[in-house]
Each structure stands twice: as C-alpha cells, then as structure tokens.
Protein backbone atom coordinates (compact mmCIF):
# COMPACT_ATOMS: atom_id res chain seq x y z
CA MET A 1 122.69 -43.18 -118.35
CA ALA A 2 121.03 -39.85 -119.03
CA GLU A 3 117.97 -39.62 -121.23
CA ARG A 4 118.64 -37.64 -124.41
CA PRO A 5 116.68 -36.76 -127.56
CA ARG A 6 117.56 -38.55 -130.77
CA PRO A 7 118.40 -36.94 -134.16
CA PRO A 8 115.57 -35.90 -136.51
CA ILE A 9 114.10 -38.56 -138.77
CA ASP A 10 113.00 -38.70 -142.37
CA ASP A 11 109.77 -36.70 -142.73
CA ALA A 12 108.82 -38.68 -145.82
CA ALA A 13 108.21 -41.90 -143.92
CA PRO A 14 104.74 -43.35 -144.39
CA SER A 15 102.09 -42.39 -141.81
CA GLY A 16 101.73 -44.77 -138.86
CA ALA A 17 105.07 -46.51 -139.35
CA ILE A 18 107.45 -46.82 -136.46
CA SER A 19 109.92 -44.62 -138.36
CA ASP A 20 107.49 -41.77 -137.74
CA ALA A 21 108.90 -41.60 -134.19
CA PRO A 22 109.02 -37.97 -133.06
CA SER A 23 112.08 -35.89 -133.84
CA GLU A 24 111.55 -34.32 -130.41
CA GLY A 25 110.35 -36.00 -127.27
CA LEU A 26 111.96 -39.40 -127.89
CA SER A 27 114.16 -39.93 -124.86
CA PHE A 28 115.73 -43.18 -126.08
CA ALA A 29 115.09 -46.33 -128.10
CA TYR A 30 116.50 -49.83 -127.53
CA ARG A 31 116.29 -53.05 -129.48
CA PHE A 32 116.56 -56.25 -127.45
CA ARG A 33 117.77 -59.37 -129.23
CA GLU A 34 116.39 -62.83 -128.49
CA SER A 35 119.30 -63.32 -126.10
CA GLY A 36 118.12 -60.29 -124.11
CA ALA A 37 121.09 -58.11 -125.08
CA ALA A 38 120.21 -54.46 -125.69
CA GLU A 39 121.47 -52.09 -128.35
CA THR A 40 120.54 -48.48 -128.97
CA VAL A 41 118.51 -47.69 -132.07
CA GLU A 42 118.48 -44.35 -133.84
CA ALA A 43 115.09 -42.91 -134.72
CA ALA A 44 115.67 -43.25 -138.45
CA ALA A 45 116.41 -46.98 -138.07
CA LEU A 46 113.38 -47.92 -135.97
CA ALA A 47 111.31 -49.26 -138.87
CA GLN A 48 114.16 -51.49 -140.02
CA ALA A 49 114.78 -52.73 -136.46
CA LEU A 50 111.13 -53.64 -136.01
CA ALA A 51 111.06 -55.48 -139.33
CA GLU A 52 113.92 -57.76 -138.27
CA PRO A 53 112.75 -61.14 -136.90
CA GLY A 54 113.10 -61.92 -133.21
CA GLY A 55 113.57 -59.60 -130.27
CA TRP A 56 111.58 -56.52 -129.34
CA ILE A 57 111.91 -52.72 -129.11
CA TRP A 58 111.51 -50.27 -126.23
CA LEU A 59 110.67 -46.62 -126.92
CA HIS A 60 110.56 -44.11 -124.09
CA LEU A 61 108.86 -40.74 -124.67
CA ASP A 62 108.64 -37.39 -122.95
CA LEU A 63 104.87 -36.99 -122.84
CA ALA A 64 105.21 -33.34 -121.89
CA ASN A 65 106.45 -32.78 -125.44
CA ASP A 66 103.76 -31.95 -128.02
CA ALA A 67 105.61 -33.76 -130.82
CA ALA A 68 105.70 -36.98 -128.78
CA ARG A 69 102.00 -36.71 -127.98
CA ARG A 70 101.12 -36.16 -131.63
CA TRP A 71 103.14 -39.24 -132.59
CA VAL A 72 101.35 -41.35 -129.97
CA ALA A 73 97.98 -40.19 -131.26
CA GLN A 74 98.87 -41.38 -134.79
CA ALA A 75 101.02 -44.46 -134.05
CA ALA A 76 99.29 -47.35 -135.83
CA LEU A 77 101.50 -49.95 -134.12
CA VAL A 78 100.21 -48.94 -130.68
CA PRO A 79 96.72 -50.31 -129.85
CA ALA A 80 94.01 -47.66 -129.65
CA ALA A 81 93.32 -48.39 -125.98
CA GLY A 82 97.04 -48.12 -125.28
CA ARG A 83 97.24 -44.73 -127.02
CA GLU A 84 94.43 -43.54 -124.79
CA VAL A 85 96.37 -44.60 -121.68
CA LEU A 86 99.52 -42.84 -122.85
CA LEU A 87 97.71 -39.59 -123.61
CA SER A 88 95.34 -39.59 -120.64
CA HIS A 89 95.72 -37.18 -117.73
CA ASP A 90 94.18 -39.70 -115.33
CA ASP A 91 96.86 -40.52 -112.76
CA HIS A 92 95.11 -43.47 -111.12
CA VAL A 93 97.29 -46.59 -110.96
CA ARG A 94 95.98 -49.25 -113.34
CA LEU A 95 96.83 -52.24 -115.51
CA ALA A 96 94.47 -53.38 -118.25
CA PRO A 97 94.61 -55.76 -121.24
CA VAL A 98 94.72 -54.15 -124.68
CA GLU A 99 94.87 -55.63 -128.14
CA GLY A 100 97.99 -57.81 -128.26
CA GLY A 101 99.26 -56.90 -124.80
CA VAL A 102 98.66 -54.69 -121.76
CA ALA A 103 98.70 -51.00 -120.91
CA GLY A 104 98.93 -49.32 -117.57
CA VAL A 105 99.91 -46.45 -115.30
CA PHE A 106 102.36 -47.04 -112.44
CA ALA A 107 103.60 -44.71 -109.70
CA ASP A 108 107.29 -43.89 -109.45
CA LEU A 109 109.55 -41.59 -107.47
CA LEU A 110 110.94 -38.57 -109.28
CA ARG A 111 114.61 -38.65 -110.18
CA ASP A 112 115.55 -34.98 -109.63
CA LYS A 113 115.23 -35.04 -105.82
CA VAL A 114 116.68 -37.37 -103.24
CA GLY A 115 115.58 -38.91 -99.98
CA GLU A 116 112.18 -38.39 -98.47
CA GLU A 117 111.80 -35.10 -100.36
CA ARG A 118 111.25 -36.94 -103.63
CA GLY A 119 107.84 -36.46 -105.15
CA LEU A 120 105.80 -39.01 -107.07
CA GLY A 121 105.30 -39.19 -110.80
CA ARG A 122 103.59 -41.55 -113.23
CA LEU A 123 104.99 -44.04 -115.72
CA ARG A 124 102.59 -44.81 -118.61
CA PHE A 125 103.25 -47.76 -120.87
CA VAL A 126 101.89 -50.03 -123.56
CA LEU A 127 103.42 -53.49 -123.82
CA THR A 128 102.97 -55.85 -126.77
CA GLU A 129 104.96 -58.86 -127.91
CA ARG A 130 107.32 -56.84 -130.13
CA LEU A 131 107.03 -53.30 -128.82
CA VAL A 132 107.06 -51.41 -125.52
CA VAL A 133 106.15 -47.72 -125.58
CA SER A 134 106.53 -45.93 -122.27
CA GLY A 135 106.33 -42.29 -121.34
CA ARG A 136 106.46 -39.80 -118.49
CA ARG A 137 106.01 -36.08 -117.94
CA GLU A 138 108.78 -35.80 -115.34
CA ALA A 139 112.09 -37.63 -115.00
CA LEU A 140 111.54 -40.89 -113.11
CA GLY A 141 114.01 -42.69 -110.89
CA SER A 142 113.16 -46.26 -111.91
CA ILE A 143 113.75 -45.48 -115.60
CA ALA A 144 117.15 -43.99 -114.81
CA ARG A 145 118.15 -47.06 -112.78
CA THR A 146 116.88 -49.40 -115.50
CA LEU A 147 119.05 -47.58 -118.02
CA GLU A 148 122.01 -48.00 -115.69
CA SER A 149 121.28 -51.74 -115.54
CA ILE A 150 121.21 -51.92 -119.34
CA GLY A 151 124.48 -50.01 -119.49
CA GLN A 152 125.99 -52.58 -117.13
CA GLY A 153 125.01 -55.39 -119.50
CA ARG A 154 121.80 -56.66 -117.95
CA ARG A 155 119.68 -58.72 -120.34
CA PHE A 156 115.91 -58.70 -120.77
CA VAL A 157 114.59 -61.72 -122.61
CA ASP A 158 111.10 -60.26 -122.93
CA ALA A 159 109.14 -57.09 -122.27
CA ALA A 160 107.56 -58.54 -119.11
CA ALA A 161 111.03 -58.83 -117.59
CA LEU A 162 111.64 -55.15 -118.32
CA LEU A 163 108.38 -54.14 -116.67
CA GLU A 164 109.21 -56.33 -113.68
CA VAL A 165 112.62 -54.70 -113.24
CA ILE A 166 111.15 -51.18 -113.49
CA VAL A 167 108.71 -51.95 -110.67
CA GLU A 168 111.49 -53.58 -108.64
CA HIS A 169 113.55 -50.40 -108.97
CA PHE A 170 110.58 -48.41 -107.72
CA ALA A 171 110.30 -50.81 -104.78
CA ASP A 172 114.03 -50.41 -104.06
CA ALA A 173 113.70 -46.62 -104.08
CA ALA A 174 110.61 -46.79 -101.87
CA THR A 175 112.52 -49.04 -99.46
CA ALA A 176 115.31 -46.45 -99.28
CA VAL A 177 112.77 -43.70 -98.57
CA ALA A 178 111.16 -45.87 -95.86
CA GLU A 179 114.56 -46.36 -94.23
CA GLU A 180 115.18 -42.60 -94.31
CA LEU A 181 111.75 -42.00 -92.78
CA ALA A 182 112.59 -44.47 -90.00
CA ASP A 183 115.87 -42.60 -89.35
CA THR A 184 113.96 -39.31 -89.24
CA LEU A 185 111.53 -40.72 -86.69
CA ASP A 186 114.48 -41.98 -84.60
CA ALA A 187 115.92 -38.45 -84.56
CA ILE A 188 112.53 -36.98 -83.63
CA GLU A 189 112.18 -39.48 -80.80
CA ASP A 190 115.62 -38.56 -79.47
CA GLY A 191 114.65 -34.89 -79.64
CA LEU A 192 111.51 -35.57 -77.62
CA LEU A 193 113.59 -37.23 -74.94
CA ASP A 194 115.68 -34.04 -74.86
CA GLU A 195 112.48 -32.01 -74.28
CA HIS A 196 112.26 -30.18 -77.63
CA PRO A 197 108.69 -30.93 -78.79
CA GLY A 198 108.25 -27.72 -80.79
CA ALA A 199 111.28 -28.28 -82.99
CA GLU A 200 110.48 -31.96 -83.55
CA ARG A 201 106.92 -31.14 -84.58
CA ARG A 202 108.23 -29.21 -87.59
CA LYS A 203 110.28 -32.23 -88.67
CA LEU A 204 107.46 -34.72 -88.21
CA GLY A 205 105.01 -33.07 -90.58
CA PRO A 206 106.97 -33.67 -93.83
CA ALA A 207 107.84 -37.22 -92.74
CA ARG A 208 104.18 -38.09 -92.12
CA ARG A 209 103.15 -36.55 -95.44
CA THR A 210 105.76 -38.59 -97.32
CA ALA A 211 104.71 -41.80 -95.57
CA VAL A 212 101.05 -41.22 -96.38
CA ARG A 213 101.76 -40.57 -100.06
CA LEU A 214 104.06 -43.56 -100.33
CA HIS A 215 101.56 -45.88 -98.64
CA ARG A 216 98.79 -44.70 -100.96
CA GLN A 217 100.78 -45.63 -104.07
CA LEU A 218 102.16 -48.89 -102.68
CA SER A 219 98.70 -49.98 -101.58
CA SER A 220 97.26 -49.27 -105.03
CA LEU A 221 100.07 -51.13 -106.79
CA ARG A 222 100.04 -54.20 -104.56
CA LEU A 223 96.26 -54.55 -104.82
CA LEU A 224 96.53 -54.19 -108.57
CA PHE A 225 99.18 -56.89 -108.85
CA ARG A 226 97.38 -59.25 -106.49
CA ARG A 227 94.20 -58.90 -108.51
CA TRP A 228 95.91 -59.61 -111.84
CA ALA A 229 97.99 -62.45 -110.38
CA SER A 230 94.88 -64.45 -109.50
CA PRO A 231 93.97 -67.37 -111.80
CA GLN A 232 90.68 -65.66 -112.62
CA ALA A 233 92.55 -62.80 -114.31
CA SER A 234 92.87 -64.79 -117.52
CA ALA A 235 92.97 -61.64 -119.65
CA LEU A 236 96.66 -61.23 -118.86
CA PRO A 237 99.31 -63.46 -120.43
CA GLU A 238 100.62 -66.18 -118.13
CA ARG A 239 104.08 -64.59 -118.04
CA LEU A 240 102.63 -61.30 -116.78
CA GLN A 241 100.48 -63.10 -114.23
CA ARG A 242 103.58 -64.70 -112.71
CA ALA A 243 105.39 -61.36 -112.67
CA ALA A 244 102.37 -59.68 -111.06
CA GLY A 245 102.33 -62.32 -108.32
CA GLN A 246 106.01 -61.85 -107.50
CA LEU A 247 105.77 -58.06 -107.52
CA GLY A 248 102.64 -58.17 -105.36
CA GLN A 249 104.47 -60.20 -102.71
CA ARG A 250 107.40 -57.77 -102.76
CA LEU A 251 105.14 -54.73 -102.40
CA ASP A 252 103.07 -56.39 -99.63
CA GLY A 253 106.06 -56.48 -97.29
CA LEU A 254 107.17 -52.98 -98.22
CA ASP A 255 103.69 -51.56 -97.69
CA GLN A 256 103.49 -53.16 -94.25
CA GLU A 257 106.76 -51.47 -93.35
CA VAL A 258 105.44 -48.09 -94.50
CA VAL A 259 102.20 -48.65 -92.55
CA ALA A 260 104.28 -49.34 -89.43
CA ILE A 261 106.17 -46.08 -90.04
CA GLN A 262 102.84 -44.26 -90.39
CA GLU A 263 101.62 -45.69 -87.10
CA ARG A 264 104.85 -44.78 -85.37
CA ALA A 265 104.67 -41.24 -86.75
CA ARG A 266 101.07 -40.94 -85.55
CA LEU A 267 102.06 -41.99 -82.03
CA LEU A 268 104.92 -39.49 -82.05
CA GLN A 269 102.50 -36.80 -83.19
CA GLU A 270 100.20 -37.62 -80.28
CA GLU A 271 103.11 -37.53 -77.84
CA ILE A 272 104.28 -34.17 -79.19
CA ALA A 273 100.74 -32.79 -78.94
CA ALA A 274 100.43 -34.08 -75.36
CA ARG A 275 103.75 -32.51 -74.34
CA MET A 276 102.92 -29.20 -75.96
CA ALA A 277 99.52 -29.22 -74.26
CA ALA A 278 101.22 -29.91 -70.93
CA ASP A 279 103.62 -27.00 -71.52
CA THR A 280 100.70 -24.74 -72.37
CA ASN A 281 98.86 -25.80 -69.23
CA ARG A 282 101.93 -25.06 -67.11
CA HIS A 283 102.22 -21.60 -68.63
CA LEU A 284 98.53 -20.91 -68.09
CA PHE A 285 98.80 -22.10 -64.49
CA ALA A 286 101.74 -19.80 -63.84
CA LEU A 287 99.87 -16.90 -65.44
CA SER A 288 96.79 -17.67 -63.34
CA LEU A 289 98.86 -17.68 -60.13
CA LEU A 290 100.49 -14.39 -61.07
CA THR A 291 97.08 -12.86 -61.73
CA THR A 292 95.79 -14.16 -58.40
CA PHE A 293 98.76 -12.69 -56.51
CA LEU A 294 98.40 -9.29 -58.17
CA LEU A 295 94.63 -8.97 -57.90
CA PRO A 296 94.42 -7.88 -54.18
CA PRO A 297 97.34 -5.40 -54.47
CA THR A 298 95.75 -4.00 -57.61
CA LEU A 299 92.43 -3.59 -55.81
CA ILE A 300 94.09 -1.85 -52.86
CA ALA A 301 96.09 0.43 -55.17
CA GLY A 302 92.85 1.33 -56.94
CA VAL A 303 91.14 2.17 -53.67
CA PHE A 304 93.98 4.38 -52.46
CA GLY A 305 94.14 5.99 -55.85
CA MET A 306 90.63 7.46 -55.53
CA ASN A 307 90.77 11.23 -55.08
CA LEU A 308 88.03 11.49 -52.42
CA PRO A 309 87.79 13.19 -48.98
CA ASP A 310 88.49 11.24 -45.81
CA MET A 311 90.87 8.84 -47.61
CA PRO A 312 92.73 6.80 -44.92
CA PHE A 313 96.36 7.79 -44.32
CA ALA A 314 96.03 10.70 -46.77
CA GLN A 315 97.16 13.21 -44.15
CA THR A 316 99.96 11.14 -42.59
CA ALA A 317 103.60 11.28 -43.62
CA GLU A 318 103.86 7.48 -43.74
CA GLY A 319 100.62 6.95 -45.72
CA PHE A 320 102.36 5.82 -48.91
CA TRP A 321 104.42 3.19 -47.12
CA ILE A 322 101.41 1.98 -45.20
CA ALA A 323 99.54 1.45 -48.49
CA ILE A 324 102.51 -0.43 -49.94
CA ALA A 325 102.68 -2.65 -46.87
CA VAL A 326 98.96 -3.41 -47.08
CA SER A 327 99.30 -4.32 -50.77
CA VAL A 328 102.26 -6.64 -50.16
CA GLY A 329 100.53 -8.17 -47.15
CA SER A 330 97.44 -8.93 -49.23
CA GLY A 331 99.64 -10.80 -51.73
CA VAL A 332 101.25 -12.78 -48.90
CA VAL A 333 97.81 -13.70 -47.54
CA VAL A 334 96.73 -14.96 -50.96
CA TYR A 335 99.95 -17.00 -51.24
CA LEU A 336 99.42 -18.61 -47.83
CA LEU A 337 95.79 -19.32 -48.68
CA LEU A 338 96.79 -21.08 -51.94
CA ARG A 339 99.35 -23.15 -50.05
CA LEU A 340 96.76 -24.05 -47.46
CA LEU A 341 94.35 -25.17 -50.20
CA ARG A 342 97.24 -27.09 -51.84
CA VAL A 343 96.83 -25.22 -55.10
CA MET A 344 100.59 -24.62 -54.94
CA ARG A 345 102.95 -27.40 -54.00
C-alpha cells in the first residue's frame, strides 16, 4: 500500500488537538479497534476517533515536510520528550521511556532501492497507550511491508505489537540482504578460482561496505533490545520488555550471520590482495630479467657508438655485423649465467 497525503483539515480546530494534524506531510492514519482490526482515518476525523473509547491510533508523518514538523512541535498529545525525538537530527539508535510510553529511533532499509544497494534510513516514533506517532525523512521498507500486512487483514491488538512487527520486517529485509551478500561472495570466490582477481576486487568493495553498515545497525539494535529486556529495565512496560527480549534474540542470530559474512569478505579481500601482489611480483621479475638481458648489449652499443679514433672494426666491411654479434653474445652469456645461478628456472 503506497503512502499518500490526506485531504486538508479544518483550520479552526483548537490548538494542540489531534485534529490539528498537518494538511501536508501526513502519510497515513489508522485506527485500531480493540480486536486489532485496522481502519483508515481521515485527517478531519482524527479528533473524533481518538475520543472514542477503546483501541488506539497510528499516525505516520513525513518529517522532511515543514508542515509535519510544525505540527509535531505543537502537538499537545505527544509527550515533550517524544516531540524532541521526532524532531531531532540525531541518528543514533535509541529507545527511552517518555511520559506515558516510549520514544525511540530505529534503523531501517530504504524502500526505493533493492538488494544490497539499499541504503539505511531512520524510523522515529513515540508510542503511548492510545497513540503512536512515527515519522521518517525517506521512504522505509519496513513501513511499506507493515502497510501491506494491514491491507491483508493482519490485526494489531496493541501498539507494542505494531512496533514488534516493524522491527521484524526490518530483520526480514536485512536477512534478504545478507543472503544476497552471501551469493555475491560466492560469485567472487568462483571468479578467483578462474583467475580474475582484478574484476572481483571491484565487486567485493560494495559488498563489504554494505555488510559493515548492516552489522553496525544490527549490533546497535540488538544491544538496545537486550538492555531493555533485562529485569532491571523497569522503566519500560512489561509488554515492551517481552517484545524487546524476543526481538533481541532474533537480531542476535542475524547479526552473527552478518559478522560471518564480514569475516568471509575480509578473507576474500586478503586473498585478492595476495594474488594481485603475486601478479605484480611476476611482472616486476619479468621486467627485471628483460632489463638484465638488455644491459650488456646496450653498453656495447654505446661503446661502438662513440665517434672516436681507433674504434675497433671501424675500418672493416664487417664491423657492423661483428658489433651485432658481440651484443647478442653478451645477452646469451647473461642468460646462461642466470640459469647457472638458478635465477631462471
């Protein structure tokens, strides 16, 4: 399901009410009933939907839009600490308690690209008992897949379940990228066996860069979830603690897989470097031998090229050919000497 802006709302709504949702920058809004069933909510009906008992509401904003950022700055229903998280430019992964809920920043793969070329973006969110406000500056893959799940009838009984599914979708996408990286390394390894180290080196660089970036985000997320899943992290609701524990276990295994891919890529890089160094050494050796063979003939040619009296063979008809024979003979002597010294095999 594609994200799309909603129609303009009534400008006369009281300040700070949920009906003050931005006329621009609101990607979508859903109301979830107590059964977990979702229904779309128009911007003008948000206040009425929030006033109804039971259920909760999810708003998703385009934080690159100035109207959306202005609404966040004035939204009275969003805790002050949560508004700061939504508006901050700090991209560090985090999860922190706020008044009535939690707020955080999670990593996610961008939606517009596929495979290992996908970059990383940030999902910012504030979660309370009745309201979830999330936002991003670039289209995110996990949000798109969550919308597809809602369109297929998936139910979310509470906001924690929604957050859990969003992270699971990120983990699924990261798993797909890890599999593609493994396939890329397989192809590079096959190329090395076919003696093409130069071409495979160009392929390995982007794969290593993607693995490093993915590991960095997975490591941050799994450590974050493990920390908040511990019994000492009493600041989080029990439901979120359980979700954090499950997500931490999922990301642990995935991060280990990415670390293994990193190590494999590093070993391939070392093998490529060793093969290219060996090729360079062979070329230098051949160039050194060629220089050694040509040095005596060059010296002899220089001697016979001096325009001085009493030059040997200068007055004989066969002088040129004698000089050529001496030059070639000197090269043959050098060759035999190198074979005798076992420099050439």
